[in-house]
Amino acid sequence: MSALTLASAAEDATALAAAEAHHARLAAELAGRVALLLTAADRDPLAAESLRAGLVTFCDRDLLPHAAAEETVLYPAAYRLPAARLLIEALVAEHRCLTALTDALRSASGPAAAADARALQVLYEEHAAKENGLLLSLLAMAPDVSLAALLAEADDRLGTLDGPHAAGHGVNGHRGAGHEDDHGVGHDAGHGAGQDHRHDAGQHAGNRVGAKEEAP
């Protein structure tokens, strides 16, 4: 089914396509870096070490901040939809795993680094597929949610992307359903992934999910 069929508004269809394209770019760069590391691991330990360090830098600079922005903006909006609550809890748990694998790569070497890198790639590809096929589609279909505005807010908060959701910036002049509850899922994630305490991002987000379940 096309984005135009799924989305409740044309601008959300455009934003959905842009978000999927950004996920594809992240997955492609991750896959390329992992492939180089796996090749070097058996042939050139010095090159493998450099590639491992580069992979960690990519995760810290791009992958984990992207995850933190999703938890801060997109996940709270989706969590308000009853059909998405279990999905959000699963996605938050996967963010924790992505962070844990990145942390493991910081000190890993040899076969262990190769195994962690491959696990990171597989997990991210599966995670992005869920976000594309389930999370983004649910938000795009919701008539009271502006996916375009949510993605614009996520980019504004992140401040380091190169405009992957540029098509959704400023659409309709409002921020969408995720704006009013800054204390929802992953409120502290922006202070975790991509900063000194990035390993705490998933834990904070998971705690926020539980808090929303108990709220009246």
N, C-alpha and C. Protein backbone atom coordinates (compact mmCIF):
# COMPACT_ATOMS: atom_id res chain seq x y z
N MET A 1 0.85 -1.19 0.00
CA MET A 1 0.00 0.00 0.00
C MET A 1 0.89 1.23 0.00
N SER A 2 0.55 2.21 -0.78
CA SER A 2 1.40 3.38 -0.92
C SER A 2 1.24 4.34 0.23
N ALA A 3 2.22 5.24 0.38
CA ALA A 3 2.13 6.26 1.42
C ALA A 3 0.92 7.14 1.20
N LEU A 4 0.60 7.42 -0.07
CA LEU A 4 -0.54 8.27 -0.37
C LEU A 4 -1.84 7.61 0.06
N THR A 5 -1.89 6.28 -0.03
CA THR A 5 -3.08 5.57 0.41
C THR A 5 -3.19 5.56 1.93
N LEU A 6 -2.06 5.42 2.62
CA LEU A 6 -2.07 5.31 4.06
C LEU A 6 -2.33 6.62 4.76
N ALA A 7 -1.76 7.70 4.26
CA ALA A 7 -1.76 8.96 4.99
C ALA A 7 -3.13 9.63 4.96
N SER A 8 -3.44 10.35 6.07
CA SER A 8 -4.70 11.08 6.15
C SER A 8 -4.59 12.45 5.51
N ALA A 9 -3.38 12.89 5.16
CA ALA A 9 -3.17 14.18 4.50
C ALA A 9 -1.99 14.05 3.55
N ALA A 10 -2.01 14.85 2.48
CA ALA A 10 -0.95 14.75 1.48
C ALA A 10 0.42 15.06 2.07
N GLU A 11 0.48 16.07 2.96
CA GLU A 11 1.78 16.42 3.54
C GLU A 11 2.32 15.30 4.42
N ASP A 12 1.41 14.52 5.03
CA ASP A 12 1.86 13.39 5.83
C ASP A 12 2.40 12.27 4.95
N ALA A 13 1.81 12.10 3.77
CA ALA A 13 2.33 11.11 2.82
C ALA A 13 3.75 11.47 2.40
N THR A 14 3.98 12.75 2.15
CA THR A 14 5.31 13.21 1.77
C THR A 14 6.30 13.01 2.92
N ALA A 15 5.86 13.34 4.13
CA ALA A 15 6.72 13.18 5.29
C ALA A 15 7.03 11.71 5.55
N LEU A 16 6.03 10.85 5.37
CA LEU A 16 6.23 9.42 5.55
C LEU A 16 7.30 8.90 4.59
N ALA A 17 7.21 9.31 3.33
CA ALA A 17 8.20 8.87 2.34
C ALA A 17 9.59 9.37 2.70
N ALA A 18 9.68 10.61 3.19
CA ALA A 18 10.98 11.18 3.57
C ALA A 18 11.57 10.44 4.77
N ALA A 19 10.73 10.10 5.74
CA ALA A 19 11.21 9.37 6.91
C ALA A 19 11.71 7.98 6.53
N GLU A 20 10.98 7.31 5.65
CA GLU A 20 11.41 6.00 5.18
C GLU A 20 12.73 6.09 4.43
N ALA A 21 12.89 7.14 3.64
CA ALA A 21 14.14 7.34 2.91
C ALA A 21 15.30 7.57 3.86
N HIS A 22 15.05 8.33 4.94
CA HIS A 22 16.12 8.57 5.91
C HIS A 22 16.51 7.28 6.62
N HIS A 23 15.53 6.46 6.98
CA HIS A 23 15.84 5.16 7.56
C HIS A 23 16.67 4.32 6.60
N ALA A 24 16.35 4.38 5.33
CA ALA A 24 17.10 3.62 4.33
C ALA A 24 18.54 4.10 4.24
N ARG A 25 18.74 5.43 4.34
CA ARG A 25 20.11 5.96 4.30
C ARG A 25 20.91 5.52 5.52
N LEU A 26 20.28 5.56 6.68
CA LEU A 26 20.97 5.10 7.89
C LEU A 26 21.33 3.61 7.77
N ALA A 27 20.38 2.80 7.30
CA ALA A 27 20.61 1.37 7.17
C ALA A 27 21.72 1.08 6.16
N ALA A 28 21.74 1.84 5.07
CA ALA A 28 22.75 1.61 4.04
C ALA A 28 24.15 1.96 4.55
N GLU A 29 24.26 3.07 5.27
CA GLU A 29 25.58 3.44 5.80
C GLU A 29 26.03 2.43 6.86
N LEU A 30 25.09 2.03 7.71
CA LEU A 30 25.43 1.03 8.73
C LEU A 30 25.89 -0.27 8.08
N ALA A 31 25.15 -0.73 7.07
CA ALA A 31 25.51 -1.99 6.40
C ALA A 31 26.87 -1.88 5.74
N GLY A 32 27.17 -0.75 5.12
CA GLY A 32 28.46 -0.57 4.48
C GLY A 32 29.60 -0.60 5.48
N ARG A 33 29.42 0.08 6.61
CA ARG A 33 30.47 0.10 7.63
C ARG A 33 30.67 -1.29 8.23
N VAL A 34 29.58 -2.01 8.47
CA VAL A 34 29.70 -3.35 9.04
C VAL A 34 30.37 -4.30 8.05
N ALA A 35 30.02 -4.20 6.79
CA ALA A 35 30.63 -5.08 5.78
C ALA A 35 32.14 -4.87 5.72
N LEU A 36 32.59 -3.62 5.77
CA LEU A 36 34.02 -3.34 5.76
C LEU A 36 34.70 -3.90 7.00
N LEU A 37 34.03 -3.76 8.15
CA LEU A 37 34.61 -4.29 9.38
C LEU A 37 34.72 -5.81 9.34
N LEU A 38 33.68 -6.47 8.86
CA LEU A 38 33.71 -7.93 8.80
C LEU A 38 34.81 -8.42 7.86
N THR A 39 35.00 -7.72 6.77
CA THR A 39 36.06 -8.10 5.82
C THR A 39 37.44 -7.91 6.43
N ALA A 40 37.63 -6.79 7.13
CA ALA A 40 38.94 -6.49 7.71
C ALA A 40 39.25 -7.34 8.93
N ALA A 41 38.23 -7.81 9.61
CA ALA A 41 38.44 -8.53 10.88
C ALA A 41 39.33 -9.75 10.70
N ASP A 42 39.23 -10.42 9.54
CA ASP A 42 40.01 -11.64 9.30
C ASP A 42 41.33 -11.35 8.58
N ARG A 43 41.53 -10.13 8.13
CA ARG A 43 42.68 -9.84 7.28
C ARG A 43 43.63 -8.79 7.84
N ASP A 44 43.10 -7.78 8.47
CA ASP A 44 43.91 -6.64 8.87
C ASP A 44 43.40 -6.08 10.20
N PRO A 45 43.96 -6.55 11.32
CA PRO A 45 43.48 -6.11 12.63
C PRO A 45 43.56 -4.61 12.83
N LEU A 46 44.59 -3.96 12.31
CA LEU A 46 44.71 -2.51 12.48
C LEU A 46 43.59 -1.78 11.74
N ALA A 47 43.30 -2.22 10.52
CA ALA A 47 42.21 -1.62 9.76
C ALA A 47 40.87 -1.90 10.44
N ALA A 48 40.72 -3.10 10.97
CA ALA A 48 39.48 -3.46 11.65
C ALA A 48 39.25 -2.57 12.87
N GLU A 49 40.32 -2.26 13.59
CA GLU A 49 40.18 -1.39 14.76
C GLU A 49 39.74 0.00 14.35
N SER A 50 40.30 0.51 13.27
CA SER A 50 39.90 1.83 12.78
C SER A 50 38.44 1.83 12.33
N LEU A 51 38.03 0.77 11.66
CA LEU A 51 36.65 0.66 11.20
C LEU A 51 35.68 0.51 12.37
N ARG A 52 36.11 -0.23 13.39
CA ARG A 52 35.27 -0.35 14.60
C ARG A 52 35.05 1.02 15.24
N ALA A 53 36.13 1.78 15.37
CA ALA A 53 36.01 3.11 15.96
C ALA A 53 35.11 4.01 15.11
N GLY A 54 35.23 3.90 13.79
CA GLY A 54 34.38 4.69 12.91
C GLY A 54 32.92 4.31 13.02
N LEU A 55 32.65 3.02 13.22
CA LEU A 55 31.28 2.55 13.39
C LEU A 55 30.68 3.11 14.68
N VAL A 56 31.46 3.11 15.75
CA VAL A 56 30.98 3.67 17.01
C VAL A 56 30.68 5.16 16.86
N THR A 57 31.55 5.86 16.17
CA THR A 57 31.33 7.29 15.93
C THR A 57 30.05 7.52 15.14
N PHE A 58 29.81 6.71 14.13
CA PHE A 58 28.56 6.82 13.35
C PHE A 58 27.34 6.61 14.24
N CYS A 59 27.41 5.61 15.12
CA CYS A 59 26.28 5.35 16.01
C CYS A 59 26.05 6.53 16.96
N ASP A 60 27.14 7.06 17.52
CA ASP A 60 27.02 8.18 18.45
C ASP A 60 26.53 9.45 17.76
N ARG A 61 26.96 9.66 16.54
CA ARG A 61 26.65 10.90 15.82
C ARG A 61 25.30 10.85 15.14
N ASP A 62 24.90 9.69 14.62
CA ASP A 62 23.70 9.59 13.78
C ASP A 62 22.64 8.64 14.32
N LEU A 63 23.03 7.40 14.58
CA LEU A 63 22.03 6.38 14.88
C LEU A 63 21.35 6.60 16.23
N LEU A 64 22.14 6.79 17.29
CA LEU A 64 21.55 6.94 18.61
C LEU A 64 20.82 8.28 18.79
N PRO A 65 21.35 9.39 18.30
CA PRO A 65 20.57 10.64 18.37
C PRO A 65 19.24 10.53 17.61
N HIS A 66 19.25 9.84 16.48
CA HIS A 66 18.01 9.62 15.73
C HIS A 66 17.00 8.86 16.60
N ALA A 67 17.48 7.81 17.27
CA ALA A 67 16.60 7.04 18.15
C ALA A 67 16.07 7.90 19.29
N ALA A 68 16.93 8.73 19.86
CA ALA A 68 16.51 9.60 20.96
C ALA A 68 15.44 10.58 20.52
N ALA A 69 15.59 11.14 19.32
CA ALA A 69 14.59 12.08 18.81
C ALA A 69 13.26 11.39 18.60
N GLU A 70 13.29 10.15 18.12
CA GLU A 70 12.04 9.39 17.95
C GLU A 70 11.35 9.19 19.29
N GLU A 71 12.11 8.83 20.31
CA GLU A 71 11.52 8.59 21.62
C GLU A 71 10.95 9.87 22.24
N THR A 72 11.56 10.99 21.92
CA THR A 72 11.12 12.26 22.49
C THR A 72 9.84 12.77 21.84
N VAL A 73 9.68 12.55 20.54
CA VAL A 73 8.59 13.18 19.80
C VAL A 73 7.60 12.17 19.23
N LEU A 74 8.07 11.22 18.45
CA LEU A 74 7.16 10.30 17.76
C LEU A 74 6.50 9.30 18.70
N TYR A 75 7.27 8.72 19.60
CA TYR A 75 6.74 7.65 20.43
C TYR A 75 5.63 8.12 21.36
N PRO A 76 5.74 9.30 22.00
CA PRO A 76 4.62 9.74 22.84
C PRO A 76 3.32 9.91 22.05
N ALA A 77 3.43 10.45 20.83
CA ALA A 77 2.23 10.63 20.00
C ALA A 77 1.61 9.28 19.66
N ALA A 78 2.44 8.31 19.31
CA ALA A 78 1.92 6.98 18.97
C ALA A 78 1.38 6.26 20.19
N TYR A 79 1.97 6.51 21.36
CA TYR A 79 1.54 5.81 22.57
C TYR A 79 0.12 6.18 22.97
N ARG A 80 -0.34 7.32 22.50
CA ARG A 80 -1.73 7.72 22.77
C ARG A 80 -2.73 6.87 21.97
N LEU A 81 -2.25 6.18 20.95
CA LEU A 81 -3.12 5.33 20.15
C LEU A 81 -3.12 3.94 20.78
N PRO A 82 -4.25 3.46 21.27
CA PRO A 82 -4.28 2.17 21.97
C PRO A 82 -3.66 1.03 21.17
N ALA A 83 -3.83 1.04 19.86
CA ALA A 83 -3.31 -0.05 19.04
C ALA A 83 -1.79 -0.05 18.96
N ALA A 84 -1.15 1.04 19.37
CA ALA A 84 0.29 1.16 19.21
C ALA A 84 1.08 0.97 20.49
N ARG A 85 0.41 0.79 21.62
CA ARG A 85 1.14 0.81 22.89
C ARG A 85 2.15 -0.33 23.02
N LEU A 86 1.76 -1.54 22.70
CA LEU A 86 2.71 -2.66 22.78
C LEU A 86 3.84 -2.47 21.78
N LEU A 87 3.52 -1.93 20.62
CA LEU A 87 4.54 -1.66 19.62
C LEU A 87 5.58 -0.68 20.16
N ILE A 88 5.13 0.40 20.79
CA ILE A 88 6.06 1.40 21.31
C ILE A 88 6.95 0.79 22.39
N GLU A 89 6.38 -0.01 23.26
CA GLU A 89 7.18 -0.65 24.30
C GLU A 89 8.26 -1.54 23.67
N ALA A 90 7.91 -2.24 22.59
CA ALA A 90 8.88 -3.09 21.91
C ALA A 90 9.96 -2.26 21.23
N LEU A 91 9.57 -1.15 20.62
CA LEU A 91 10.55 -0.29 19.95
C LEU A 91 11.51 0.35 20.94
N VAL A 92 10.99 0.75 22.10
CA VAL A 92 11.86 1.31 23.14
C VAL A 92 12.87 0.26 23.59
N ALA A 93 12.41 -0.98 23.78
CA ALA A 93 13.32 -2.05 24.17
C ALA A 93 14.40 -2.28 23.11
N GLU A 94 14.03 -2.16 21.86
CA GLU A 94 15.02 -2.32 20.79
C GLU A 94 16.03 -1.18 20.79
N HIS A 95 15.59 0.03 21.13
CA HIS A 95 16.53 1.14 21.27
C HIS A 95 17.54 0.84 22.37
N ARG A 96 17.08 0.24 23.46
CA ARG A 96 18.01 -0.14 24.53
C ARG A 96 19.06 -1.11 24.00
N CYS A 97 18.60 -2.07 23.19
CA CYS A 97 19.53 -3.05 22.63
C CYS A 97 20.52 -2.41 21.67
N LEU A 98 20.06 -1.47 20.86
CA LEU A 98 20.97 -0.76 19.96
C LEU A 98 22.03 -0.01 20.76
N THR A 99 21.61 0.62 21.85
CA THR A 99 22.55 1.34 22.70
C THR A 99 23.54 0.37 23.35
N ALA A 100 23.04 -0.77 23.83
CA ALA A 100 23.91 -1.75 24.48
C ALA A 100 24.94 -2.31 23.50
N LEU A 101 24.51 -2.58 22.28
CA LEU A 101 25.46 -3.10 21.28
C LEU A 101 26.51 -2.05 20.92
N THR A 102 26.09 -0.79 20.83
CA THR A 102 27.06 0.27 20.58
C THR A 102 28.05 0.36 21.72
N ASP A 103 27.57 0.28 22.95
CA ASP A 103 28.47 0.33 24.10
C ASP A 103 29.43 -0.86 24.10
N ALA A 104 28.95 -2.03 23.70
CA ALA A 104 29.81 -3.20 23.63
C ALA A 104 30.91 -3.00 22.59
N LEU A 105 30.56 -2.34 21.50
CA LEU A 105 31.54 -2.10 20.43
C LEU A 105 32.65 -1.13 20.85
N ARG A 106 32.41 -0.35 21.88
CA ARG A 106 33.42 0.63 22.30
C ARG A 106 34.72 -0.05 22.74
N SER A 107 34.58 -1.22 23.32
CA SER A 107 35.77 -1.90 23.84
C SER A 107 36.02 -3.25 23.18
N ALA A 108 35.16 -3.66 22.27
CA ALA A 108 35.31 -4.98 21.63
C ALA A 108 36.44 -4.97 20.60
N SER A 109 36.94 -6.14 20.30
CA SER A 109 37.97 -6.28 19.27
C SER A 109 37.85 -7.66 18.65
N GLY A 110 38.46 -7.82 17.48
CA GLY A 110 38.49 -9.12 16.84
C GLY A 110 37.12 -9.67 16.52
N PRO A 111 36.94 -10.99 16.70
CA PRO A 111 35.66 -11.62 16.39
C PRO A 111 34.50 -11.05 17.19
N ALA A 112 34.74 -10.62 18.43
CA ALA A 112 33.66 -10.06 19.25
C ALA A 112 33.14 -8.77 18.63
N ALA A 113 34.04 -7.93 18.15
CA ALA A 113 33.61 -6.68 17.51
C ALA A 113 32.82 -6.98 16.25
N ALA A 114 33.27 -7.95 15.47
CA ALA A 114 32.56 -8.32 14.25
C ALA A 114 31.16 -8.83 14.57
N ALA A 115 31.04 -9.65 15.60
CA ALA A 115 29.74 -10.21 15.98
C ALA A 115 28.80 -9.10 16.47
N ASP A 116 29.32 -8.20 17.29
CA ASP A 116 28.49 -7.10 17.79
C ASP A 116 28.03 -6.19 16.65
N ALA A 117 28.93 -5.93 15.71
CA ALA A 117 28.60 -5.07 14.58
C ALA A 117 27.51 -5.69 13.72
N ARG A 118 27.64 -6.98 13.46
CA ARG A 118 26.62 -7.66 12.65
C ARG A 118 25.27 -7.69 13.37
N ALA A 119 25.30 -7.94 14.68
CA ALA A 119 24.06 -7.94 15.45
C ALA A 119 23.41 -6.56 15.42
N LEU A 120 24.21 -5.51 15.51
CA LEU A 120 23.70 -4.15 15.45
C LEU A 120 23.02 -3.89 14.11
N GLN A 121 23.64 -4.34 13.03
CA GLN A 121 23.07 -4.13 11.70
C GLN A 121 21.73 -4.85 11.56
N VAL A 122 21.70 -6.13 11.94
CA VAL A 122 20.46 -6.91 11.81
C VAL A 122 19.34 -6.30 12.64
N LEU A 123 19.66 -5.92 13.89
CA LEU A 123 18.64 -5.35 14.76
C LEU A 123 18.11 -4.04 14.19
N TYR A 124 19.02 -3.17 13.71
CA TYR A 124 18.53 -1.89 13.20
C TYR A 124 17.65 -2.08 11.97
N GLU A 125 18.02 -2.99 11.08
CA GLU A 125 17.22 -3.21 9.87
C GLU A 125 15.81 -3.70 10.24
N GLU A 126 15.73 -4.61 11.22
CA GLU A 126 14.42 -5.09 11.65
C GLU A 126 13.64 -3.98 12.36
N HIS A 127 14.34 -3.19 13.15
CA HIS A 127 13.71 -2.09 13.88
C HIS A 127 13.16 -1.04 12.91
N ALA A 128 13.94 -0.66 11.92
CA ALA A 128 13.49 0.33 10.95
C ALA A 128 12.30 -0.17 10.15
N ALA A 129 12.28 -1.47 9.85
CA ALA A 129 11.14 -2.04 9.12
C ALA A 129 9.86 -1.92 9.94
N LYS A 130 9.95 -2.13 11.25
CA LYS A 130 8.77 -1.96 12.11
C LYS A 130 8.33 -0.51 12.15
N GLU A 131 9.28 0.39 12.25
CA GLU A 131 8.92 1.81 12.29
C GLU A 131 8.27 2.24 10.99
N ASN A 132 8.84 1.79 9.88
CA ASN A 132 8.27 2.17 8.58
C ASN A 132 6.89 1.58 8.37
N GLY A 133 6.76 0.28 8.61
CA GLY A 133 5.52 -0.41 8.29
C GLY A 133 4.42 -0.27 9.32
N LEU A 134 4.79 0.03 10.57
CA LEU A 134 3.79 0.09 11.63
C LEU A 134 3.70 1.48 12.27
N LEU A 135 4.78 1.93 12.89
CA LEU A 135 4.73 3.20 13.62
C LEU A 135 4.38 4.38 12.73
N LEU A 136 5.15 4.59 11.68
CA LEU A 136 4.91 5.75 10.82
C LEU A 136 3.56 5.66 10.12
N SER A 137 3.19 4.46 9.72
CA SER A 137 1.89 4.29 9.06
C SER A 137 0.73 4.61 9.99
N LEU A 138 0.83 4.15 11.25
CA LEU A 138 -0.23 4.46 12.22
C LEU A 138 -0.35 5.95 12.45
N LEU A 139 0.78 6.64 12.58
CA LEU A 139 0.75 8.08 12.79
C LEU A 139 0.22 8.80 11.55
N ALA A 140 0.60 8.33 10.37
CA ALA A 140 0.15 8.98 9.14
C ALA A 140 -1.35 8.80 8.93
N MET A 141 -1.89 7.68 9.38
CA MET A 141 -3.32 7.41 9.20
C MET A 141 -4.19 8.11 10.23
N ALA A 142 -3.62 8.46 11.38
CA ALA A 142 -4.42 9.05 12.45
C ALA A 142 -4.88 10.45 12.04
N PRO A 143 -6.18 10.70 12.01
CA PRO A 143 -6.67 11.98 11.51
C PRO A 143 -6.34 13.17 12.40
N ASP A 144 -6.09 12.91 13.70
CA ASP A 144 -5.81 14.01 14.62
C ASP A 144 -4.31 14.18 14.89
N VAL A 145 -3.48 13.54 14.07
CA VAL A 145 -2.02 13.63 14.22
C VAL A 145 -1.43 14.15 12.92
N SER A 146 -0.52 15.10 13.03
CA SER A 146 0.23 15.56 11.87
C SER A 146 1.62 14.93 11.90
N LEU A 147 1.81 13.88 11.11
CA LEU A 147 3.12 13.24 11.04
C LEU A 147 4.18 14.22 10.56
N ALA A 148 3.80 15.06 9.60
CA ALA A 148 4.75 16.04 9.07
C ALA A 148 5.25 16.97 10.18
N ALA A 149 4.33 17.43 11.02
CA ALA A 149 4.72 18.33 12.11
C ALA A 149 5.56 17.60 13.15
N LEU A 150 5.22 16.35 13.44
CA LEU A 150 6.01 15.58 14.40
C LEU A 150 7.43 15.39 13.91
N LEU A 151 7.59 15.06 12.63
CA LEU A 151 8.93 14.87 12.09
C LEU A 151 9.72 16.17 12.07
N ALA A 152 9.03 17.26 11.80
CA ALA A 152 9.70 18.56 11.83
C ALA A 152 10.18 18.87 13.24
N GLU A 153 9.35 18.57 14.23
CA GLU A 153 9.75 18.81 15.62
C GLU A 153 10.92 17.92 16.01
N ALA A 154 10.89 16.66 15.56
CA ALA A 154 11.99 15.75 15.86
C ALA A 154 13.30 16.29 15.29
N ASP A 155 13.25 16.80 14.06
CA ASP A 155 14.44 17.37 13.46
C ASP A 155 14.92 18.61 14.21
N ASP A 156 13.97 19.43 14.64
CA ASP A 156 14.33 20.64 15.39
C ASP A 156 15.02 20.28 16.70
N ARG A 157 14.50 19.27 17.38
CA ARG A 157 15.09 18.86 18.65
C ARG A 157 16.44 18.22 18.46
N LEU A 158 16.56 17.43 17.42
CA LEU A 158 17.82 16.74 17.17
C LEU A 158 18.91 17.72 16.77
N GLY A 159 18.61 18.53 15.77
CA GLY A 159 19.52 19.60 15.37
C GLY A 159 20.77 19.14 14.67
N THR A 160 20.91 17.83 14.37
CA THR A 160 22.13 17.36 13.73
C THR A 160 21.88 16.65 12.41
N LEU A 161 20.60 16.41 12.08
CA LEU A 161 20.32 15.76 10.80
C LEU A 161 20.50 16.75 9.66
N ASP A 162 20.68 16.21 8.46
CA ASP A 162 20.89 17.07 7.30
C ASP A 162 19.59 17.34 6.56
N GLY A 163 18.48 17.36 7.31
CA GLY A 163 17.18 17.67 6.71
C GLY A 163 16.50 16.50 6.06
N PRO A 164 16.59 15.26 6.64
CA PRO A 164 15.96 14.11 5.99
C PRO A 164 14.45 14.22 5.90
N HIS A 165 13.84 15.00 6.81
CA HIS A 165 12.39 15.17 6.78
C HIS A 165 12.04 16.58 6.32
N ALA A 166 12.88 17.17 5.51
CA ALA A 166 12.68 18.57 5.14
C ALA A 166 11.31 18.81 4.53
N ALA A 167 10.77 17.80 3.87
CA ALA A 167 9.47 17.96 3.23
C ALA A 167 8.37 18.21 4.25
N GLY A 168 8.59 17.79 5.52
CA GLY A 168 7.56 17.94 6.52
C GLY A 168 7.73 19.16 7.40
N HIS A 169 8.76 19.95 7.21
CA HIS A 169 9.02 21.07 8.10
C HIS A 169 7.93 22.13 8.00
N GLY A 170 7.38 22.52 9.15
CA GLY A 170 6.47 23.66 9.21
C GLY A 170 5.12 23.42 8.55
N VAL A 171 4.79 22.16 8.24
CA VAL A 171 3.53 21.90 7.56
C VAL A 171 2.36 22.25 8.47
N ASN A 172 1.40 22.99 7.96
CA ASN A 172 0.18 23.38 8.67
C ASN A 172 0.42 24.32 9.84
N GLY A 173 1.66 24.70 10.08
CA GLY A 173 1.96 25.68 11.12
C GLY A 173 1.71 25.21 12.53
N HIS A 174 1.64 23.85 12.76
CA HIS A 174 1.50 23.35 14.12
C HIS A 174 2.36 22.12 14.31
N ARG A 175 2.51 21.69 15.56
CA ARG A 175 3.46 20.64 15.88
C ARG A 175 2.86 19.25 15.93
N GLY A 176 1.56 19.12 15.86
CA GLY A 176 0.97 17.79 15.86
C GLY A 176 0.76 17.27 17.28
N ALA A 177 0.34 15.99 17.34
CA ALA A 177 -0.13 15.44 18.62
C ALA A 177 0.98 15.22 19.62
N GLY A 178 2.23 15.22 19.20
CA GLY A 178 3.29 14.92 20.13
C GLY A 178 3.78 16.10 20.91
N HIS A 179 3.31 17.30 20.67
CA HIS A 179 3.93 18.49 21.25
C HIS A 179 3.56 18.75 22.70
N GLU A 180 2.29 18.57 23.04
CA GLU A 180 1.85 19.05 24.33
C GLU A 180 2.40 18.23 25.49
N ASP A 181 2.80 16.97 25.24
CA ASP A 181 3.27 16.13 26.32
C ASP A 181 4.76 15.90 26.20
N ASP A 182 5.55 16.88 26.62
CA ASP A 182 6.99 16.74 26.58
C ASP A 182 7.50 15.76 27.62
N HIS A 183 6.62 15.31 28.53
CA HIS A 183 7.04 14.39 29.57
C HIS A 183 6.56 12.98 29.26
N GLY A 184 6.35 12.67 27.97
CA GLY A 184 5.88 11.36 27.58
C GLY A 184 7.04 10.40 27.38
N VAL A 185 6.85 9.45 26.47
CA VAL A 185 7.85 8.43 26.22
C VAL A 185 9.16 9.08 25.84
N GLY A 186 10.23 8.71 26.55
CA GLY A 186 11.56 9.13 26.15
C GLY A 186 11.85 10.60 26.36
N HIS A 187 11.23 11.27 27.33
CA HIS A 187 11.49 12.69 27.55
C HIS A 187 12.97 12.94 27.79
N ASP A 188 13.64 12.02 28.50
CA ASP A 188 15.04 12.21 28.82
C ASP A 188 15.96 11.61 27.78
N ALA A 189 15.41 11.00 26.73
CA ALA A 189 16.26 10.31 25.77
C ALA A 189 17.20 11.24 25.07
N GLY A 190 16.78 12.48 24.84
CA GLY A 190 17.66 13.43 24.18
C GLY A 190 18.89 13.73 25.00
N HIS A 191 18.85 13.45 26.31
CA HIS A 191 20.00 13.64 27.17
C HIS A 191 20.76 12.33 27.32
N GLY A 192 20.30 11.29 26.58
CA GLY A 192 20.98 10.00 26.65
C GLY A 192 21.70 9.73 25.36
N ALA A 193 21.01 9.19 24.34
CA ALA A 193 21.65 8.88 23.07
C ALA A 193 22.24 10.14 22.48
N GLY A 194 23.47 10.04 22.05
CA GLY A 194 24.14 11.16 21.43
C GLY A 194 24.85 12.08 22.40
N GLN A 195 24.79 11.81 23.73
CA GLN A 195 25.51 12.60 24.70
C GLN A 195 26.21 11.65 25.67
N ASP A 196 26.80 12.19 26.73
CA ASP A 196 27.62 11.39 27.62
C ASP A 196 26.85 10.27 28.29
N HIS A 197 25.53 10.44 28.46
CA HIS A 197 24.75 9.43 29.14
C HIS A 197 23.86 8.69 28.16
N ARG A 198 24.36 8.44 26.98
CA ARG A 198 23.53 7.84 25.93
C ARG A 198 23.05 6.45 26.31
N HIS A 199 23.78 5.75 27.19
CA HIS A 199 23.37 4.40 27.54
C HIS A 199 22.12 4.38 28.38
N ASP A 200 21.69 5.52 28.94
CA ASP A 200 20.49 5.57 29.76
C ASP A 200 19.23 5.87 28.96
N ALA A 201 19.35 6.17 27.67
CA ALA A 201 18.19 6.65 26.91
C ALA A 201 17.04 5.65 26.90
N GLY A 202 17.36 4.39 26.62
CA GLY A 202 16.30 3.40 26.56
C GLY A 202 15.63 3.20 27.91
N GLN A 203 16.43 3.24 29.01
CA GLN A 203 15.85 3.05 30.32
C GLN A 203 14.88 4.16 30.66
N HIS A 204 15.26 5.41 30.40
CA HIS A 204 14.36 6.52 30.67
C HIS A 204 13.08 6.39 29.86
N ALA A 205 13.23 6.03 28.59
CA ALA A 205 12.04 5.92 27.73
C ALA A 205 11.11 4.83 28.22
N GLY A 206 11.69 3.70 28.62
CA GLY A 206 10.86 2.61 29.12
C GLY A 206 10.12 3.01 30.38
N ASN A 207 10.77 3.76 31.25
CA ASN A 207 10.10 4.23 32.46
C ASN A 207 8.93 5.14 32.13
N ARG A 208 9.09 5.97 31.09
CA ARG A 208 8.02 6.88 30.72
C ARG A 208 6.82 6.13 30.17
N VAL A 209 7.07 5.01 29.46
CA VAL A 209 5.96 4.20 28.96
C VAL A 209 5.14 3.68 30.13
N GLY A 210 5.82 3.15 31.16
CA GLY A 210 5.10 2.65 32.31
C GLY A 210 4.33 3.74 33.02
N ALA A 211 4.89 4.93 33.09
CA ALA A 211 4.22 6.03 33.76
C ALA A 211 2.94 6.41 33.05
N LYS A 212 2.95 6.36 31.72
CA LYS A 212 1.75 6.73 30.97
C LYS A 212 0.65 5.70 31.17
N GLU A 213 1.05 4.41 31.36
CA GLU A 213 0.04 3.40 31.58
C GLU A 213 -0.70 3.62 32.89
N GLU A 214 0.01 4.19 33.90
CA GLU A 214 -0.61 4.40 35.20
C GLU A 214 -1.37 5.70 35.31
N ALA A 215 -1.18 6.59 34.36
CA ALA A 215 -1.83 7.90 34.43
C ALA A 215 -3.32 7.76 34.27
N PRO A 216 -4.12 8.63 34.93
CA PRO A 216 -5.59 8.54 34.79
C PRO A 216 -6.03 8.90 33.41
